[in-house]
Amino acid sequence: MSISDTDKVESPINMATVQLLWSMIGLLLTMGSTFLEAYGITLPWNWSKQGIQTFSLGVSYQIGAVLLVGCLGGKNAGALSQIAYLVMGLTFLPVFSEGGGIGYVKLAHFGYLLGFIPGAWICGFLAFKARPRVETLAFSCFCGLLSVHICGITYLIISYIFQWQGTEDLSLMQAIIKYSWSVLPGQFTVVCAVTVIAYLLRHLMFY
């Protein structure tokens, strides 16, 4: 077997190993960031008066982890990490924000968790379609975020049609405002941070 033939055999194996590694990293990041609240800092022109102060963005870093693994590991690694995350949560491991268990599928906001899979895949697909520039990575992240919310709102509508658990206290519009509209400013801030981190890491790792 020639050297070129060996490379052809090893290359897919190496690629699969790298994707598996990124999937594991994405799974760990998603689990850890679920319980890590995101904070911002006051604008620089206010530092002289009030000093540097932090404030809650009203979201966790979870969506950031989902999109970051797509930007760094690609579409397959991103999707696999989120499939593993959902499987772990639905098999009673307390990795979701409210615990875990198969009953989670009856919660109105489960669709947002389900949306992590296409969100990470789309983000990873777009992130590697062009050279890693800030604008392309930002576009990838925003498309991934949009996919998550489309899945989440679709699932909300279905859950209200069938009157699943967790739909009693809020109207459909109130649920959309709670789970989508009210969290978007904080998630946009997290996406901006993810874009910068992904840009720096992609250049440091030369790919």
C-alpha atoms as a PDB file:
ATOM      1  CA  MET A   1       0.000   0.000   0.000  1.00  0.00           C
ATOM      2  CA  SER A   2       1.398   3.344  -1.002  1.00  0.00           C
ATOM      3  CA  ILE A   3       1.620   6.387   1.271  1.00  0.00           C
ATOM      4  CA  SER A   4      -1.171   8.063  -0.663  1.00  0.00           C
ATOM      5  CA  ASP A   5      -3.389   5.004  -0.170  1.00  0.00           C
ATOM      6  CA  THR A   6      -2.674   5.037   3.567  1.00  0.00           C
ATOM      7  CA  ASP A   7      -3.616   8.690   3.777  1.00  0.00           C
ATOM      8  CA  LYS A   8      -6.892   7.954   2.056  1.00  0.00           C
ATOM      9  CA  VAL A   9      -7.656   5.255   4.640  1.00  0.00           C
ATOM     10  CA  GLU A  10      -6.608   7.263   7.684  1.00  0.00           C
ATOM     11  CA  SER A  11      -8.135  10.576   6.687  1.00  0.00           C
ATOM     12  CA  PRO A  12     -11.821   9.598   7.219  1.00  0.00           C
ATOM     13  CA  ILE A  13     -10.864   7.921  10.505  1.00  0.00           C
ATOM     14  CA  ASN A  14      -9.071  11.022  11.711  1.00  0.00           C
ATOM     15  CA  MET A  15     -11.992  13.195  10.637  1.00  0.00           C
ATOM     16  CA  ALA A  16     -14.462  10.994  12.522  1.00  0.00           C
ATOM     17  CA  THR A  17     -12.240  11.111  15.608  1.00  0.00           C
ATOM     18  CA  VAL A  18     -12.082  14.904  15.501  1.00  0.00           C
ATOM     19  CA  GLN A  19     -15.841  15.156  15.078  1.00  0.00           C
ATOM     20  CA  LEU A  20     -16.400  12.775  17.989  1.00  0.00           C
ATOM     21  CA  LEU A  21     -14.070  14.851  20.148  1.00  0.00           C
ATOM     22  CA  TRP A  22     -15.916  18.062  19.275  1.00  0.00           C
ATOM     23  CA  SER A  23     -19.230  16.327  19.952  1.00  0.00           C
ATOM     24  CA  MET A  24     -18.070  15.394  23.444  1.00  0.00           C
ATOM     25  CA  ILE A  25     -16.779  18.914  24.045  1.00  0.00           C
ATOM     26  CA  GLY A  26     -20.101  20.337  22.836  1.00  0.00           C
ATOM     27  CA  LEU A  27     -22.052  17.993  25.103  1.00  0.00           C
ATOM     28  CA  LEU A  28     -20.018  18.996  28.159  1.00  0.00           C
ATOM     29  CA  LEU A  29     -20.260  22.694  27.290  1.00  0.00           C
ATOM     30  CA  THR A  30     -24.023  22.476  26.822  1.00  0.00           C
ATOM     31  CA  MET A  31     -24.537  20.654  30.127  1.00  0.00           C
ATOM     32  CA  GLY A  32     -22.333  23.057  32.069  1.00  0.00           C
ATOM     33  CA  SER A  33     -23.644  26.238  30.486  1.00  0.00           C
ATOM     34  CA  THR A  34     -27.267  25.267  31.166  1.00  0.00           C
ATOM     35  CA  PHE A  35     -26.800  26.306  34.777  1.00  0.00           C
ATOM     36  CA  LEU A  36     -24.424  29.217  34.166  1.00  0.00           C
ATOM     37  CA  GLU A  37     -26.157  32.590  34.038  1.00  0.00           C
ATOM     38  CA  ALA A  38     -24.882  35.089  31.479  1.00  0.00           C
ATOM     39  CA  TYR A  39     -23.786  38.529  32.655  1.00  0.00           C
ATOM     40  CA  GLY A  40     -22.854  41.713  30.841  1.00  0.00           C
ATOM     41  CA  ILE A  41     -20.948  44.798  31.900  1.00  0.00           C
ATOM     42  CA  THR A  42     -21.932  48.441  31.813  1.00  0.00           C
ATOM     43  CA  LEU A  43     -20.890  50.550  28.837  1.00  0.00           C
ATOM     44  CA  PRO A  44     -17.353  52.062  28.967  1.00  0.00           C
ATOM     45  CA  TRP A  45     -18.551  55.686  29.092  1.00  0.00           C
ATOM     46  CA  ASN A  46     -20.301  54.936  32.395  1.00  0.00           C
ATOM     47  CA  TRP A  47     -17.216  53.475  34.077  1.00  0.00           C
ATOM     48  CA  SER A  48     -15.910  56.851  35.275  1.00  0.00           C
ATOM     49  CA  LYS A  49     -19.166  57.525  37.141  1.00  0.00           C
ATOM     50  CA  GLN A  50     -20.243  54.120  38.383  1.00  0.00           C
ATOM     51  CA  GLY A  51     -17.204  51.935  37.848  1.00  0.00           C
ATOM     52  CA  ILE A  52     -17.357  48.617  36.028  1.00  0.00           C
ATOM     53  CA  GLN A  53     -20.578  46.903  37.033  1.00  0.00           C
ATOM     54  CA  THR A  54     -22.135  43.627  35.918  1.00  0.00           C
ATOM     55  CA  PHE A  55     -25.779  42.849  35.284  1.00  0.00           C
ATOM     56  CA  SER A  56     -27.707  39.719  34.390  1.00  0.00           C
ATOM     57  CA  LEU A  57     -28.683  39.216  30.748  1.00  0.00           C
ATOM     58  CA  GLY A  58     -31.648  37.100  31.802  1.00  0.00           C
ATOM     59  CA  VAL A  59     -30.383  33.998  29.978  1.00  0.00           C
ATOM     60  CA  SER A  60     -27.843  31.235  30.486  1.00  0.00           C
ATOM     61  CA  TYR A  61     -24.835  30.511  28.281  1.00  0.00           C
ATOM     62  CA  GLN A  62     -26.575  27.396  26.944  1.00  0.00           C
ATOM     63  CA  ILE A  63     -27.411  28.736  23.491  1.00  0.00           C
ATOM     64  CA  GLY A  64     -23.841  30.024  23.257  1.00  0.00           C
ATOM     65  CA  ALA A  65     -22.463  26.531  23.822  1.00  0.00           C
ATOM     66  CA  VAL A  66     -24.809  25.076  21.201  1.00  0.00           C
ATOM     67  CA  LEU A  67     -23.652  27.555  18.561  1.00  0.00           C
ATOM     68  CA  LEU A  68     -19.992  27.521  19.561  1.00  0.00           C
ATOM     69  CA  VAL A  69     -19.602  23.805  18.939  1.00  0.00           C
ATOM     70  CA  GLY A  70     -21.172  24.310  15.510  1.00  0.00           C
ATOM     71  CA  CYS A  71     -18.715  27.102  14.698  1.00  0.00           C
ATOM     72  CA  LEU A  72     -15.713  25.079  15.853  1.00  0.00           C
ATOM     73  CA  GLY A  73     -16.642  21.452  15.216  1.00  0.00           C
ATOM     74  CA  GLY A  74     -18.911  21.719  12.199  1.00  0.00           C
ATOM     75  CA  LYS A  75     -22.444  20.584  11.440  1.00  0.00           C
ATOM     76  CA  ASN A  76     -22.112  16.896  12.363  1.00  0.00           C
ATOM     77  CA  ALA A  77     -20.332  17.499  15.652  1.00  0.00           C
ATOM     78  CA  GLY A  78     -22.827  20.216  16.548  1.00  0.00           C
ATOM     79  CA  ALA A  79     -25.874  18.062  15.833  1.00  0.00           C
ATOM     80  CA  LEU A  80     -24.438  14.953  17.521  1.00  0.00           C
ATOM     81  CA  SER A  81     -23.600  16.852  20.696  1.00  0.00           C
ATOM     82  CA  GLN A  82     -27.190  18.084  20.983  1.00  0.00           C
ATOM     83  CA  ILE A  83     -28.692  14.687  20.183  1.00  0.00           C
ATOM     84  CA  ALA A  84     -26.581  13.252  23.012  1.00  0.00           C
ATOM     85  CA  TYR A  85     -27.703  16.085  25.301  1.00  0.00           C
ATOM     86  CA  LEU A  86     -31.390  15.421  24.625  1.00  0.00           C
ATOM     87  CA  VAL A  87     -30.991  11.667  25.035  1.00  0.00           C
ATOM     88  CA  MET A  88     -29.278  12.153  28.386  1.00  0.00           C
ATOM     89  CA  GLY A  89     -31.971  14.542  29.586  1.00  0.00           C
ATOM     90  CA  LEU A  90     -34.866  12.365  28.449  1.00  0.00           C
ATOM     91  CA  THR A  91     -33.382   9.327  30.200  1.00  0.00           C
ATOM     92  CA  PHE A  92     -33.824  11.001  33.585  1.00  0.00           C
ATOM     93  CA  LEU A  93     -30.376  12.552  33.946  1.00  0.00           C
ATOM     94  CA  PRO A  94     -30.869  16.077  35.393  1.00  0.00           C
ATOM     95  CA  VAL A  95     -29.078  17.954  32.624  1.00  0.00           C
ATOM     96  CA  PHE A  96     -32.002  20.209  31.672  1.00  0.00           C
ATOM     97  CA  SER A  97     -32.663  23.435  33.547  1.00  0.00           C
ATOM     98  CA  GLU A  98     -35.658  21.853  35.298  1.00  0.00           C
ATOM     99  CA  GLY A  99     -34.252  18.361  35.716  1.00  0.00           C
ATOM    100  CA  GLY A 100     -34.898  15.633  33.179  1.00  0.00           C
ATOM    101  CA  GLY A 101     -37.151  12.745  32.204  1.00  0.00           C
ATOM    102  CA  ILE A 102     -39.351  11.681  29.321  1.00  0.00           C
ATOM    103  CA  GLY A 103     -42.138  13.905  30.651  1.00  0.00           C
ATOM    104  CA  TYR A 104     -40.140  16.887  29.396  1.00  0.00           C
ATOM    105  CA  VAL A 105     -41.591  16.301  25.909  1.00  0.00           C
ATOM    106  CA  LYS A 106     -44.982  17.444  27.237  1.00  0.00           C
ATOM    107  CA  LEU A 107     -43.605  20.795  28.386  1.00  0.00           C
ATOM    108  CA  ALA A 108     -44.441  23.648  26.050  1.00  0.00           C
ATOM    109  CA  HIS A 109     -40.855  24.902  25.840  1.00  0.00           C
ATOM    110  CA  PHE A 110     -39.313  21.516  24.992  1.00  0.00           C
ATOM    111  CA  GLY A 111     -39.319  22.578  21.357  1.00  0.00           C
ATOM    112  CA  TYR A 112     -36.496  25.014  22.051  1.00  0.00           C
ATOM    113  CA  LEU A 113     -34.338  22.147  23.321  1.00  0.00           C
ATOM    114  CA  LEU A 114     -35.335  20.113  20.279  1.00  0.00           C
ATOM    115  CA  GLY A 115     -34.323  23.075  18.146  1.00  0.00           C
ATOM    116  CA  PHE A 116     -30.753  22.809  19.409  1.00  0.00           C
ATOM    117  CA  ILE A 117     -30.177  19.972  16.933  1.00  0.00           C
ATOM    118  CA  PRO A 118     -31.033  21.827  13.691  1.00  0.00           C
ATOM    119  CA  GLY A 119     -29.678  25.045  15.211  1.00  0.00           C
ATOM    120  CA  ALA A 120     -26.234  23.547  15.809  1.00  0.00           C
ATOM    121  CA  TRP A 121     -26.283  21.772  12.420  1.00  0.00           C
ATOM    122  CA  ILE A 122     -27.210  24.904  10.460  1.00  0.00           C
ATOM    123  CA  CYS A 123     -24.680  26.993  12.359  1.00  0.00           C
ATOM    124  CA  GLY A 124     -21.943  24.432  11.706  1.00  0.00           C
ATOM    125  CA  PHE A 125     -22.891  24.061   8.043  1.00  0.00           C
ATOM    126  CA  LEU A 126     -22.749  27.795   7.374  1.00  0.00           C
ATOM    127  CA  ALA A 127     -19.648  28.371   9.518  1.00  0.00           C
ATOM    128  CA  PHE A 128     -17.572  26.128   7.248  1.00  0.00           C
ATOM    129  CA  LYS A 129     -19.002  27.290   3.921  1.00  0.00           C
ATOM    130  CA  ALA A 130     -16.598  30.226   3.800  1.00  0.00           C
ATOM    131  CA  ARG A 131     -13.407  31.441   5.432  1.00  0.00           C
ATOM    132  CA  PRO A 132     -13.806  32.177   9.161  1.00  0.00           C
ATOM    133  CA  ARG A 133     -14.517  35.890   9.146  1.00  0.00           C
ATOM    134  CA  VAL A 134     -16.408  37.706  11.876  1.00  0.00           C
ATOM    135  CA  GLU A 135     -19.360  38.472   9.610  1.00  0.00           C
ATOM    136  CA  THR A 136     -19.702  34.893   8.303  1.00  0.00           C
ATOM    137  CA  LEU A 137     -19.503  33.401  11.785  1.00  0.00           C
ATOM    138  CA  ALA A 138     -22.007  35.960  13.088  1.00  0.00           C
ATOM    139  CA  PHE A 139     -24.380  35.087  10.237  1.00  0.00           C
ATOM    140  CA  SER A 140     -23.971  31.383  11.019  1.00  0.00           C
ATOM    141  CA  CYS A 141     -24.784  31.932  14.688  1.00  0.00           C
ATOM    142  CA  PHE A 142     -27.820  34.097  13.990  1.00  0.00           C
ATOM    143  CA  CYS A 143     -29.182  31.538  11.525  1.00  0.00           C
ATOM    144  CA  GLY A 144     -28.682  28.822  14.139  1.00  0.00           C
ATOM    145  CA  LEU A 145     -30.428  30.932  16.769  1.00  0.00           C
ATOM    146  CA  LEU A 146     -33.306  31.621  14.388  1.00  0.00           C
ATOM    147  CA  SER A 147     -33.672  27.876  13.761  1.00  0.00           C
ATOM    148  CA  VAL A 148     -33.928  27.218  17.503  1.00  0.00           C
ATOM    149  CA  HIS A 149     -36.703  29.768  17.896  1.00  0.00           C
ATOM    150  CA  ILE A 150     -38.605  28.566  14.833  1.00  0.00           C
ATOM    151  CA  CYS A 151     -38.597  25.033  16.260  1.00  0.00           C
ATOM    152  CA  GLY A 152     -39.532  26.326  19.694  1.00  0.00           C
ATOM    153  CA  ILE A 153     -42.470  28.428  18.484  1.00  0.00           C
ATOM    154  CA  THR A 154     -43.712  25.597  16.259  1.00  0.00           C
ATOM    155  CA  TYR A 155     -43.629  23.234  19.223  1.00  0.00           C
ATOM    156  CA  LEU A 156     -45.431  25.822  21.368  1.00  0.00           C
ATOM    157  CA  ILE A 157     -48.250  26.014  18.820  1.00  0.00           C
ATOM    158  CA  ILE A 158     -48.546  22.211  18.715  1.00  0.00           C
ATOM    159  CA  SER A 159     -48.520  21.961  22.506  1.00  0.00           C
ATOM    160  CA  TYR A 160     -51.330  24.496  22.783  1.00  0.00           C
ATOM    161  CA  ILE A 161     -53.378  22.682  20.155  1.00  0.00           C
ATOM    162  CA  PHE A 162     -53.135  19.417  22.111  1.00  0.00           C
ATOM    163  CA  GLN A 163     -53.224  21.113  25.543  1.00  0.00           C
ATOM    164  CA  TRP A 164     -50.075  19.447  26.845  1.00  0.00           C
ATOM    165  CA  GLN A 165     -48.722  19.972  30.345  1.00  0.00           C
ATOM    166  CA  GLY A 166     -47.304  23.434  30.969  1.00  0.00           C
ATOM    167  CA  THR A 167     -49.781  25.311  28.799  1.00  0.00           C
ATOM    168  CA  GLU A 168     -52.336  26.170  31.483  1.00  0.00           C
ATOM    169  CA  ASP A 169     -51.000  29.406  32.956  1.00  0.00           C
ATOM    170  CA  LEU A 170     -50.090  31.372  29.822  1.00  0.00           C
ATOM    171  CA  SER A 171     -51.770  32.139  26.550  1.00  0.00           C
ATOM    172  CA  LEU A 172     -49.937  31.186  23.368  1.00  0.00           C
ATOM    173  CA  MET A 173     -48.810  34.765  22.757  1.00  0.00           C
ATOM    174  CA  GLN A 174     -47.638  35.126  26.360  1.00  0.00           C
ATOM    175  CA  ALA A 175     -45.632  31.894  26.011  1.00  0.00           C
ATOM    176  CA  ILE A 176     -44.000  33.133  22.793  1.00  0.00           C
ATOM    177  CA  ILE A 177     -43.104  36.413  24.498  1.00  0.00           C
ATOM    178  CA  LYS A 178     -41.706  34.549  27.530  1.00  0.00           C
ATOM    179  CA  TYR A 179     -39.653  31.928  25.705  1.00  0.00           C
ATOM    180  CA  SER A 180     -38.641  33.861  22.575  1.00  0.00           C
ATOM    181  CA  TRP A 181     -39.145  37.622  22.564  1.00  0.00           C
ATOM    182  CA  SER A 182     -38.008  38.400  26.117  1.00  0.00           C
ATOM    183  CA  VAL A 183     -34.804  36.354  25.903  1.00  0.00           C
ATOM    184  CA  LEU A 184     -33.638  37.525  22.468  1.00  0.00           C
ATOM    185  CA  PRO A 185     -31.678  40.611  23.683  1.00  0.00           C
ATOM    186  CA  GLY A 186     -29.644  38.492  26.084  1.00  0.00           C
ATOM    187  CA  GLN A 187     -29.157  35.744  23.517  1.00  0.00           C
ATOM    188  CA  PHE A 188     -28.033  38.270  20.894  1.00  0.00           C
ATOM    189  CA  THR A 189     -25.352  39.438  23.340  1.00  0.00           C
ATOM    190  CA  VAL A 190     -24.238  35.858  23.942  1.00  0.00           C
ATOM    191  CA  VAL A 191     -24.145  35.253  20.170  1.00  0.00           C
ATOM    192  CA  CYS A 192     -21.878  38.272  19.719  1.00  0.00           C
ATOM    193  CA  ALA A 193     -19.485  36.861  22.331  1.00  0.00           C
ATOM    194  CA  VAL A 194     -19.582  33.432  20.673  1.00  0.00           C
ATOM    195  CA  THR A 195     -18.785  34.996  17.298  1.00  0.00           C
ATOM    196  CA  VAL A 196     -15.650  36.669  18.648  1.00  0.00           C
ATOM    197  CA  ILE A 197     -14.519  33.538  20.530  1.00  0.00           C
ATOM    198  CA  ALA A 198     -15.095  31.311  17.490  1.00  0.00           C
ATOM    199  CA  TYR A 199     -13.238  33.732  15.233  1.00  0.00           C
ATOM    200  CA  LEU A 200     -10.212  33.810  17.540  1.00  0.00           C
ATOM    201  CA  LEU A 201     -10.127  30.041  18.080  1.00  0.00           C
ATOM    202  CA  ARG A 202     -10.568  29.221  14.389  1.00  0.00           C
ATOM    203  CA  HIS A 203      -7.549  31.405  13.567  1.00  0.00           C
ATOM    204  CA  LEU A 204      -5.497  30.071  16.450  1.00  0.00           C
ATOM    205  CA  MET A 205      -6.180  26.511  15.315  1.00  0.00           C
ATOM    206  CA  PHE A 206      -5.547  27.427  11.649  1.00  0.00           C
ATOM    207  CA  TYR A 207      -8.775  26.141  10.099  1.00  0.00           C
END
